[in-house]
């Protein structure tokens, strides 16, 4: 249970609390606010570092610009609260429930978000690095594409599956996920239709048909290697084609009477061959 003396000081406001902490430097590892009711309290800029807050009521609390280094928030239900600019370095967020929470510009370096539940969370401009994101759904988190990465972040396969692949590529790259894995991760965790990928081979004489077919396949979320979109300048064409054929599941060869008499690969007219 919470230390009643500490809780009373905290209810006086952030200024009184921070003053007490300065006067009691040895209290660093003895701050017990477990199961404390801090709902709708203004604790902006409060120093709660290393406090035990597991089981506390933090509904509607204002913790903007607060110091929460190494804080224990495991299992806490945080609803409609402000943590913008908060320092959550090394915080334990195991099983925390964050609903309608503003984490914009929060410092979450080395924070552990394991089995956390995130709903209507804004993480725009937040800092990550050496953080742990395990078994959480990131698909509805806002601002992932603007997160600042100061080091690699651990993201497990469960997080990719729970998020159904709906994680911005820029976020994954910043977290240190290999590019080749990012490229195929969405097909690995998506539907059966998304899993299959095609290498489209066709003659430029059938370009109009190939364009329409490619557009229809994209609309069905089938990944395709299509020369007009995927040929990269500066690399040898035949090497790109060989790699694409090897990496894609199916080869789709478009043949028509317009190609009568042509031999694949001789005149360069067949794309992707």
C-alpha atoms as a PDB file:
ATOM      1  CA  UNK A   1       0.000   0.000   0.000  1.00  0.00           C
ATOM      2  CA  UNK A   2       1.032   3.606  -0.495  1.00  0.00           C
ATOM      3  CA  UNK A   3       2.996   5.457   2.142  1.00  0.00           C
ATOM      4  CA  UNK A   4       0.333   7.796   3.573  1.00  0.00           C
ATOM      5  CA  UNK A   5       2.833  10.493   4.583  1.00  0.00           C
ATOM      6  CA  UNK A   6       4.300  10.600   1.084  1.00  0.00           C
ATOM      7  CA  UNK A   7       0.847  10.563  -0.480  1.00  0.00           C
ATOM      8  CA  UNK A   8      -0.262  13.542   1.624  1.00  0.00           C
ATOM      9  CA  UNK A   9       2.768  15.562   0.507  1.00  0.00           C
ATOM     10  CA  UNK A  10       2.151  14.640  -3.110  1.00  0.00           C
ATOM     11  CA  UNK A  11      -1.436  15.863  -2.902  1.00  0.00           C
ATOM     12  CA  UNK A  12      -0.090  19.309  -1.923  1.00  0.00           C
ATOM     13  CA  UNK A  13       1.256  19.603  -5.461  1.00  0.00           C
ATOM     14  CA  UNK A  14       4.431  19.134  -7.474  1.00  0.00           C
ATOM     15  CA  UNK A  15       6.253  22.057  -5.836  1.00  0.00           C
ATOM     16  CA  UNK A  16       5.790  20.725  -2.300  1.00  0.00           C
ATOM     17  CA  UNK A  17       6.668  17.206  -3.420  1.00  0.00           C
ATOM     18  CA  UNK A  18       9.872  18.226  -5.217  1.00  0.00           C
ATOM     19  CA  UNK A  19      10.934  20.279  -2.195  1.00  0.00           C
ATOM     20  CA  UNK A  20      10.423  17.267   0.066  1.00  0.00           C
ATOM     21  CA  UNK A  21      12.515  15.096  -2.236  1.00  0.00           C
ATOM     22  CA  UNK A  22      15.377  17.590  -2.141  1.00  0.00           C
ATOM     23  CA  UNK A  23      15.209  17.655   1.620  1.00  0.00           C
ATOM     24  CA  UNK A  24      15.137  13.838   1.769  1.00  0.00           C
ATOM     25  CA  UNK A  25      17.662  12.605  -0.810  1.00  0.00           C
ATOM     26  CA  UNK A  26      17.784   9.189   0.847  1.00  0.00           C
ATOM     27  CA  UNK A  27      14.113   8.654  -0.054  1.00  0.00           C
ATOM     28  CA  UNK A  28      14.988   7.805  -3.663  1.00  0.00           C
ATOM     29  CA  UNK A  29      14.339   4.079  -3.348  1.00  0.00           C
ATOM     30  CA  UNK A  30      11.695   4.281  -0.635  1.00  0.00           C
ATOM     31  CA  UNK A  31       8.880   6.066  -2.456  1.00  0.00           C
ATOM     32  CA  UNK A  32       5.880   3.780  -2.251  1.00  0.00           C
ATOM     33  CA  UNK A  33       2.743   4.995  -4.024  1.00  0.00           C
ATOM     34  CA  UNK A  34       1.298   1.601  -4.842  1.00  0.00           C
ATOM     35  CA  UNK A  35      -2.496   1.671  -5.273  1.00  0.00           C
ATOM     36  CA  UNK A  36      -2.531   5.399  -4.503  1.00  0.00           C
ATOM     37  CA  UNK A  37      -5.438   7.454  -5.827  1.00  0.00           C
ATOM     38  CA  UNK A  38      -3.850  10.245  -7.862  1.00  0.00           C
ATOM     39  CA  UNK A  39      -6.738  10.715 -10.271  1.00  0.00           C
ATOM     40  CA  UNK A  40      -7.195  14.192 -11.763  1.00  0.00           C
ATOM     41  CA  UNK A  41      -4.132  15.481  -9.900  1.00  0.00           C
ATOM     42  CA  UNK A  42      -1.809  18.088 -11.453  1.00  0.00           C
ATOM     43  CA  UNK A  43       1.668  16.605 -11.051  1.00  0.00           C
ATOM     44  CA  UNK A  44       3.319  18.356 -13.971  1.00  0.00           C
ATOM     45  CA  UNK A  45       7.093  18.679 -13.446  1.00  0.00           C
ATOM     46  CA  UNK A  46       6.936  16.444 -10.369  1.00  0.00           C
ATOM     47  CA  UNK A  47       9.947  14.228  -9.656  1.00  0.00           C
ATOM     48  CA  UNK A  48       8.561  10.703  -9.240  1.00  0.00           C
ATOM     49  CA  UNK A  49      11.691   8.883 -10.335  1.00  0.00           C
ATOM     50  CA  UNK A  50      12.051   5.339  -8.987  1.00  0.00           C
ATOM     51  CA  UNK A  51       8.639   5.479  -7.333  1.00  0.00           C
ATOM     52  CA  UNK A  52       6.480   2.378  -7.036  1.00  0.00           C
ATOM     53  CA  UNK A  53       3.182   3.241  -8.696  1.00  0.00           C
ATOM     54  CA  UNK A  54       1.900  -0.211  -9.579  1.00  0.00           C
ATOM     55  CA  UNK A  55      -1.850  -0.447  -9.120  1.00  0.00           C
ATOM     56  CA  UNK A  56      -2.221   3.327  -8.694  1.00  0.00           C
ATOM     57  CA  UNK A  57      -5.213   5.263 -10.056  1.00  0.00           C
ATOM     58  CA  UNK A  58      -3.787   7.673 -12.642  1.00  0.00           C
ATOM     59  CA  UNK A  59      -6.999   8.548 -14.480  1.00  0.00           C
ATOM     60  CA  UNK A  60      -6.917  12.141 -15.714  1.00  0.00           C
ATOM     61  CA  UNK A  61      -3.584  12.896 -14.043  1.00  0.00           C
ATOM     62  CA  UNK A  62      -1.295  15.567 -15.500  1.00  0.00           C
ATOM     63  CA  UNK A  63       2.283  14.285 -15.547  1.00  0.00           C
ATOM     64  CA  UNK A  64       3.553  16.573 -18.298  1.00  0.00           C
ATOM     65  CA  UNK A  65       7.290  17.321 -18.033  1.00  0.00           C
ATOM     66  CA  UNK A  66       7.505  15.049 -14.972  1.00  0.00           C
ATOM     67  CA  UNK A  67      10.534  12.944 -14.056  1.00  0.00           C
ATOM     68  CA  UNK A  68       9.594   9.265 -14.084  1.00  0.00           C
ATOM     69  CA  UNK A  69      13.021   7.653 -14.390  1.00  0.00           C
ATOM     70  CA  UNK A  70      12.917   3.980 -13.435  1.00  0.00           C
ATOM     71  CA  UNK A  71       9.342   4.300 -12.216  1.00  0.00           C
ATOM     72  CA  UNK A  72       7.255   1.148 -11.743  1.00  0.00           C
ATOM     73  CA  UNK A  73       3.965   1.566 -13.623  1.00  0.00           C
ATOM     74  CA  UNK A  74       3.352  -2.125 -14.169  1.00  0.00           C
ATOM     75  CA  UNK A  75      -0.307  -3.010 -14.541  1.00  0.00           C
ATOM     76  CA  UNK A  76      -1.498   0.579 -14.113  1.00  0.00           C
ATOM     77  CA  UNK A  77      -4.614   1.756 -15.963  1.00  0.00           C
ATOM     78  CA  UNK A  78      -3.784   5.234 -17.269  1.00  0.00           C
ATOM     79  CA  UNK A  79      -6.779   6.917 -18.909  1.00  0.00           C
ATOM     80  CA  UNK A  80      -7.177  10.428 -20.364  1.00  0.00           C
ATOM     81  CA  UNK A  81      -3.847  11.507 -18.887  1.00  0.00           C
ATOM     82  CA  UNK A  82      -1.055  13.829 -20.016  1.00  0.00           C
ATOM     83  CA  UNK A  83       2.530  12.619 -20.106  1.00  0.00           C
ATOM     84  CA  UNK A  84       3.817  14.928 -22.816  1.00  0.00           C
ATOM     85  CA  UNK A  85       7.498  15.647 -22.334  1.00  0.00           C
ATOM     86  CA  UNK A  86       7.706  13.235 -19.399  1.00  0.00           C
ATOM     87  CA  UNK A  87      11.008  11.459 -18.776  1.00  0.00           C
ATOM     88  CA  UNK A  88      10.210   7.748 -18.666  1.00  0.00           C
ATOM     89  CA  UNK A  89      13.800   6.564 -19.004  1.00  0.00           C
ATOM     90  CA  UNK A  90      14.062   2.971 -17.827  1.00  0.00           C
ATOM     91  CA  UNK A  91      10.407   2.896 -16.774  1.00  0.00           C
ATOM     92  CA  UNK A  92       8.691  -0.454 -16.181  1.00  0.00           C
ATOM     93  CA  UNK A  93       5.454  -0.367 -18.205  1.00  0.00           C
ATOM     94  CA  UNK A  94       4.702  -4.091 -18.105  1.00  0.00           C
ATOM     95  CA  UNK A  95       1.011  -4.671 -18.750  1.00  0.00           C
ATOM     96  CA  UNK A  96       0.183  -0.967 -18.478  1.00  0.00           C
ATOM     97  CA  UNK A  97      -3.093   0.173 -20.064  1.00  0.00           C
ATOM     98  CA  UNK A  98      -2.780   3.495 -21.857  1.00  0.00           C
ATOM     99  CA  UNK A  99      -6.034   4.937 -23.218  1.00  0.00           C
ATOM    100  CA  UNK A 100      -6.334   8.486 -24.597  1.00  0.00           C
ATOM    101  CA  UNK A 101      -2.859   9.276 -23.302  1.00  0.00           C
ATOM    102  CA  UNK A 102      -0.599  12.016 -24.654  1.00  0.00           C
ATOM    103  CA  UNK A 103       3.012  10.785 -24.735  1.00  0.00           C
ATOM    104  CA  UNK A 104       4.189  13.341 -27.267  1.00  0.00           C
ATOM    105  CA  UNK A 105       7.867  14.257 -26.867  1.00  0.00           C
ATOM    106  CA  UNK A 106       8.234  11.889 -23.925  1.00  0.00           C
ATOM    107  CA  UNK A 107      11.689  10.398 -23.360  1.00  0.00           C
ATOM    108  CA  UNK A 108      11.151   6.621 -23.328  1.00  0.00           C
ATOM    109  CA  UNK A 109      14.782   5.584 -23.645  1.00  0.00           C
ATOM    110  CA  UNK A 110      15.265   2.075 -22.196  1.00  0.00           C
ATOM    111  CA  UNK A 111      11.573   1.888 -21.242  1.00  0.00           C
ATOM    112  CA  UNK A 112       9.993  -1.577 -21.194  1.00  0.00           C
ATOM    113  CA  UNK A 113       6.579  -1.806 -22.836  1.00  0.00           C
ATOM    114  CA  UNK A 114       5.836  -5.497 -22.491  1.00  0.00           C
ATOM    115  CA  UNK A 115       2.242  -6.650 -23.029  1.00  0.00           C
ATOM    116  CA  UNK A 116       1.077  -3.040 -22.763  1.00  0.00           C
ATOM    117  CA  UNK A 117      -2.373  -2.097 -24.091  1.00  0.00           C
ATOM    118  CA  UNK A 118      -2.297   1.078 -26.179  1.00  0.00           C
ATOM    119  CA  UNK A 119      -5.489   2.779 -27.364  1.00  0.00           C
ATOM    120  CA  UNK A 120      -5.724   6.321 -28.719  1.00  0.00           C
ATOM    121  CA  UNK A 121      -2.139   7.029 -27.695  1.00  0.00           C
ATOM    122  CA  UNK A 122      -0.139   9.888 -29.222  1.00  0.00           C
ATOM    123  CA  UNK A 123       3.604   9.276 -29.270  1.00  0.00           C
ATOM    124  CA  UNK A 124       4.572  12.044 -31.720  1.00  0.00           C
ATOM    125  CA  UNK A 125       8.127  13.280 -31.259  1.00  0.00           C
ATOM    126  CA  UNK A 126       8.869  10.817 -28.447  1.00  0.00           C
ATOM    127  CA  UNK A 127      12.359   9.383 -27.991  1.00  0.00           C
ATOM    128  CA  UNK A 128      13.136   5.657 -28.109  1.00  0.00           C
ATOM    129  CA  UNK A 129      16.368   3.722 -27.899  1.00  0.00           C
ATOM    130  CA  UNK A 130      17.323   0.504 -26.095  1.00  0.00           C
ATOM    131  CA  UNK A 131      13.586   0.260 -25.469  1.00  0.00           C
ATOM    132  CA  UNK A 132      11.625  -3.007 -25.460  1.00  0.00           C
ATOM    133  CA  UNK A 133       8.347  -3.344 -27.366  1.00  0.00           C
ATOM    134  CA  UNK A 134       7.090  -6.878 -26.799  1.00  0.00           C
ATOM    135  CA  UNK A 135       3.620  -8.302 -27.494  1.00  0.00           C
ATOM    136  CA  UNK A 136       1.910  -4.952 -28.076  1.00  0.00           C
ATOM    137  CA  UNK A 137      -0.374  -3.661 -30.816  1.00  0.00           C
ATOM    138  CA  UNK A 138       1.070  -0.508 -32.381  1.00  0.00           C
ATOM    139  CA  UNK A 139      -1.408  -0.279 -35.252  1.00  0.00           C
ATOM    140  CA  UNK A 140      -3.526   2.497 -33.690  1.00  0.00           C
ATOM    141  CA  UNK A 141      -0.704   4.483 -32.066  1.00  0.00           C
ATOM    142  CA  UNK A 142      -0.413   7.995 -33.488  1.00  0.00           C
ATOM    143  CA  UNK A 143       2.882   9.639 -34.376  1.00  0.00           C
ATOM    144  CA  UNK A 144       5.064   6.563 -34.855  1.00  0.00           C
ATOM    145  CA  UNK A 145       6.492   8.083 -38.017  1.00  0.00           C
ATOM    146  CA  UNK A 146       7.855  11.065 -36.052  1.00  0.00           C
ATOM    147  CA  UNK A 147       9.500   9.138 -33.202  1.00  0.00           C
ATOM    148  CA  UNK A 148      13.137  10.043 -32.569  1.00  0.00           C
ATOM    149  CA  UNK A 149      15.397   6.979 -32.361  1.00  0.00           C
ATOM    150  CA  UNK A 150      18.667   7.380 -30.463  1.00  0.00           C
ATOM    151  CA  UNK A 151      19.484   3.674 -30.619  1.00  0.00           C
ATOM    152  CA  UNK A 152      17.998   0.324 -31.595  1.00  0.00           C
ATOM    153  CA  UNK A 153      14.717  -0.818 -30.083  1.00  0.00           C
ATOM    154  CA  UNK A 154      13.724  -4.449 -29.577  1.00  0.00           C
ATOM    155  CA  UNK A 155      10.518  -5.311 -31.458  1.00  0.00           C
ATOM    156  CA  UNK A 156       9.362  -8.923 -31.330  1.00  0.00           C
ATOM    157  CA  UNK A 157       7.369 -10.940 -33.862  1.00  0.00           C
ATOM    158  CA  UNK A 158       4.285 -10.873 -31.599  1.00  0.00           C
ATOM    159  CA  UNK A 159       4.205  -7.082 -31.894  1.00  0.00           C
ATOM    160  CA  UNK A 160       4.289  -7.347 -35.691  1.00  0.00           C
ATOM    161  CA  UNK A 161       1.467  -9.888 -35.676  1.00  0.00           C
ATOM    162  CA  UNK A 162      -0.705  -7.963 -33.207  1.00  0.00           C
ATOM    163  CA  UNK A 163      -0.167  -4.819 -35.279  1.00  0.00           C
ATOM    164  CA  UNK A 164      -1.080  -6.740 -38.464  1.00  0.00           C
ATOM    165  CA  UNK A 165       1.911  -5.169 -40.150  1.00  0.00           C
ATOM    166  CA  UNK A 166       0.460  -1.660 -39.703  1.00  0.00           C
ATOM    167  CA  UNK A 167       3.667  -0.071 -38.440  1.00  0.00           C
ATOM    168  CA  UNK A 168       5.305   2.701 -40.506  1.00  0.00           C
ATOM    169  CA  UNK A 169       8.457   1.569 -42.298  1.00  0.00           C
ATOM    170  CA  UNK A 170      10.283   4.681 -41.112  1.00  0.00           C
ATOM    171  CA  UNK A 171       9.612   3.663 -37.499  1.00  0.00           C
ATOM    172  CA  UNK A 172      10.894   0.124 -38.055  1.00  0.00           C
ATOM    173  CA  UNK A 173      14.014   1.359 -39.819  1.00  0.00           C
ATOM    174  CA  UNK A 174      14.709   3.810 -37.015  1.00  0.00           C
ATOM    175  CA  UNK A 175      14.313   0.996 -34.488  1.00  0.00           C
ATOM    176  CA  UNK A 176      17.019  -0.966 -36.308  1.00  0.00           C
ATOM    177  CA  UNK A 177      14.845  -3.588 -38.028  1.00  0.00           C
ATOM    178  CA  UNK A 178      16.713  -4.876 -41.144  1.00  0.00           C
ATOM    179  CA  UNK A 179      15.427  -3.515 -44.446  1.00  0.00           C
ATOM    180  CA  UNK A 180      14.941  -6.957 -45.987  1.00  0.00           C
ATOM    181  CA  UNK A 181      12.740  -7.997 -43.066  1.00  0.00           C
ATOM    182  CA  UNK A 182      10.689  -4.796 -43.249  1.00  0.00           C
ATOM    183  CA  UNK A 183      10.085  -5.400 -46.937  1.00  0.00           C
ATOM    184  CA  UNK A 184       8.395  -8.753 -46.352  1.00  0.00           C
ATOM    185  CA  UNK A 185       7.068  -8.399 -42.818  1.00  0.00           C
ATOM    186  CA  UNK A 186       3.636  -7.186 -43.934  1.00  0.00           C
ATOM    187  CA  UNK A 187       3.153 -10.253 -46.122  1.00  0.00           C
ATOM    188  CA  UNK A 188       4.284 -12.526 -43.287  1.00  0.00           C
ATOM    189  CA  UNK A 189       1.666 -11.217 -40.880  1.00  0.00           C
ATOM    190  CA  UNK A 190      -1.116 -10.337 -43.323  1.00  0.00           C
ATOM    191  CA  UNK A 191      -3.836 -12.373 -44.967  1.00  0.00           C
ATOM    192  CA  UNK A 192      -3.216 -15.336 -47.248  1.00  0.00           C
ATOM    193  CA  UNK A 193      -3.765 -13.090 -50.273  1.00  0.00           C
ATOM    194  CA  UNK A 194      -1.148 -10.653 -49.006  1.00  0.00           C
ATOM    195  CA  UNK A 195       1.334 -13.470 -48.502  1.00  0.00           C
ATOM    196  CA  UNK A 196       1.640 -14.313 -52.163  1.00  0.00           C
ATOM    197  CA  UNK A 197       3.885 -12.167 -54.322  1.00  0.00           C
ATOM    198  CA  UNK A 198       4.247 -12.076 -58.074  1.00  0.00           C
ATOM    199  CA  UNK A 199       6.980 -11.375 -60.546  1.00  0.00           C
ATOM    200  CA  UNK A 200       5.273 -10.002 -63.670  1.00  0.00           C
ATOM    201  CA  UNK A 201       6.941 -10.726 -67.009  1.00  0.00           C
ATOM    202  CA  UNK A 202       5.509  -9.193 -70.183  1.00  0.00           C
ATOM    203  CA  UNK A 203       6.271  -7.586 -73.526  1.00  0.00           C
ATOM    204  CA  UNK A 204       6.175  -3.816 -73.907  1.00  0.00           C
ATOM    205  CA  UNK A 205       3.678  -4.482 -76.713  1.00  0.00           C
ATOM    206  CA  UNK A 206       1.257  -5.540 -73.941  1.00  0.00           C
ATOM    207  CA  UNK A 207       2.069  -2.556 -71.711  1.00  0.00           C
ATOM    208  CA  UNK A 208      -1.523  -1.291 -71.444  1.00  0.00           C
ATOM    209  CA  UNK A 209      -2.831  -4.692 -70.371  1.00  0.00           C
ATOM    210  CA  UNK A 210       0.075  -5.179 -67.960  1.00  0.00           C
ATOM    211  CA  UNK A 211      -0.591  -1.772 -66.371  1.00  0.00           C
ATOM    212  CA  UNK A 212      -4.268  -2.607 -65.793  1.00  0.00           C
ATOM    213  CA  UNK A 213      -3.437  -6.036 -64.390  1.00  0.00           C
ATOM    214  CA  UNK A 214      -0.809  -4.576 -62.061  1.00  0.00           C
ATOM    215  CA  UNK A 215      -3.291  -1.965 -60.787  1.00  0.00           C
ATOM    216  CA  UNK A 216      -5.918  -4.661 -60.106  1.00  0.00           C
ATOM    217  CA  UNK A 217      -3.423  -6.834 -58.230  1.00  0.00           C
ATOM    218  CA  UNK A 218      -2.299  -3.896 -56.112  1.00  0.00           C
ATOM    219  CA  UNK A 219      -5.928  -3.156 -55.263  1.00  0.00           C
ATOM    220  CA  UNK A 220      -6.156  -6.734 -53.949  1.00  0.00           C
ATOM    221  CA  UNK A 221      -2.976  -6.116 -51.905  1.00  0.00           C
ATOM    222  CA  UNK A 222      -0.897  -8.620 -53.857  1.00  0.00           C
ATOM    223  CA  UNK A 223       2.771  -7.649 -53.870  1.00  0.00           C
ATOM    224  CA  UNK A 224       4.210  -7.476 -57.373  1.00  0.00           C
ATOM    225  CA  UNK A 225       7.564  -6.857 -58.993  1.00  0.00           C
ATOM    226  CA  UNK A 226       6.673  -4.668 -61.949  1.00  0.00           C
ATOM    227  CA  UNK A 227       9.440  -3.227 -64.115  1.00  0.00           C
ATOM    228  CA  UNK A 228       8.143   0.367 -64.462  1.00  0.00           C
ATOM    229  CA  UNK A 229       7.982   0.696 -60.673  1.00  0.00           C
ATOM    230  CA  UNK A 230      10.763  -1.549 -59.414  1.00  0.00           C
ATOM    231  CA  UNK A 231      13.729  -1.274 -61.775  1.00  0.00           C
ATOM    232  CA  UNK A 232      16.423   0.708 -59.985  1.00  0.00           C
ATOM    233  CA  UNK A 233      18.896   2.897 -61.781  1.00  0.00           C
ATOM    234  CA  UNK A 234      22.570   2.205 -61.245  1.00  0.00           C
ATOM    235  CA  UNK A 235      22.138  -1.570 -60.901  1.00  0.00           C
ATOM    236  CA  UNK A 236      22.432  -4.152 -63.648  1.00  0.00           C
ATOM    237  CA  UNK A 237      18.991  -5.073 -64.934  1.00  0.00           C
ATOM    238  CA  UNK A 238      19.608  -8.809 -65.221  1.00  0.00           C
ATOM    239  CA  UNK A 239      20.877  -8.953 -61.619  1.00  0.00           C
ATOM    240  CA  UNK A 240      17.749  -7.174 -60.373  1.00  0.00           C
ATOM    241  CA  UNK A 241      15.556  -9.571 -62.350  1.00  0.00           C
ATOM    242  CA  UNK A 242      17.377 -12.665 -61.079  1.00  0.00           C
ATOM    243  CA  UNK A 243      16.993 -11.510 -57.472  1.00  0.00           C
ATOM    244  CA  UNK A 244      13.314 -10.576 -57.915  1.00  0.00           C
ATOM    245  CA  UNK A 245      12.467 -13.980 -59.415  1.00  0.00           C
ATOM    246  CA  UNK A 246      14.227 -15.704 -56.523  1.00  0.00           C
ATOM    247  CA  UNK A 247      12.463 -13.670 -53.827  1.00  0.00           C
ATOM    248  CA  UNK A 248       8.902 -13.738 -55.182  1.00  0.00           C
ATOM    249  CA  UNK A 249       6.542 -16.680 -54.792  1.00  0.00           C
ATOM    250  CA  UNK A 250       4.994 -16.782 -58.251  1.00  0.00           C
ATOM    251  CA  UNK A 251       6.028 -15.932 -61.799  1.00  0.00           C
ATOM    252  CA  UNK A 252       3.256 -14.394 -63.890  1.00  0.00           C
ATOM    253  CA  UNK A 253       4.065 -14.544 -67.600  1.00  0.00           C
ATOM    254  CA  UNK A 254       1.851 -12.495 -69.921  1.00  0.00           C
ATOM    255  CA  UNK A 255       1.761 -13.966 -73.442  1.00  0.00           C
ATOM    256  CA  UNK A 256      -0.240 -12.665 -76.387  1.00  0.00           C
ATOM    257  CA  UNK A 257      -0.311 -12.983 -80.227  1.00  0.00           C
ATOM    258  CA  UNK A 258       1.728  -9.762 -80.330  1.00  0.00           C
ATOM    259  CA  UNK A 259       4.740 -11.742 -79.099  1.00  0.00           C
ATOM    260  CA  UNK A 260       4.608 -14.392 -81.834  1.00  0.00           C
ATOM    261  CA  UNK A 261       8.098 -15.289 -82.949  1.00  0.00           C
ATOM    262  CA  UNK A 262       9.861 -13.528 -80.084  1.00  0.00           C
ATOM    263  CA  UNK A 263      12.403 -15.322 -77.954  1.00  0.00           C
ATOM    264  CA  UNK A 264      12.623 -14.323 -74.331  1.00  0.00           C
ATOM    265  CA  UNK A 265      15.770 -12.409 -73.479  1.00  0.00           C
ATOM    266  CA  UNK A 266      17.102 -11.894 -77.009  1.00  0.00           C
ATOM    267  CA  UNK A 267      15.798  -8.496 -78.080  1.00  0.00           C
ATOM    268  CA  UNK A 268      15.183  -7.054 -74.607  1.00  0.00           C
ATOM    269  CA  UNK A 269      11.531  -6.431 -75.477  1.00  0.00           C
ATOM    270  CA  UNK A 270      10.140  -8.683 -72.760  1.00  0.00           C
ATOM    271  CA  UNK A 271      10.149  -6.900 -69.414  1.00  0.00           C
ATOM    272  CA  UNK A 272      11.345  -8.846 -66.392  1.00  0.00           C
ATOM    273  CA  UNK A 273      12.787 -11.780 -68.287  1.00  0.00           C
END
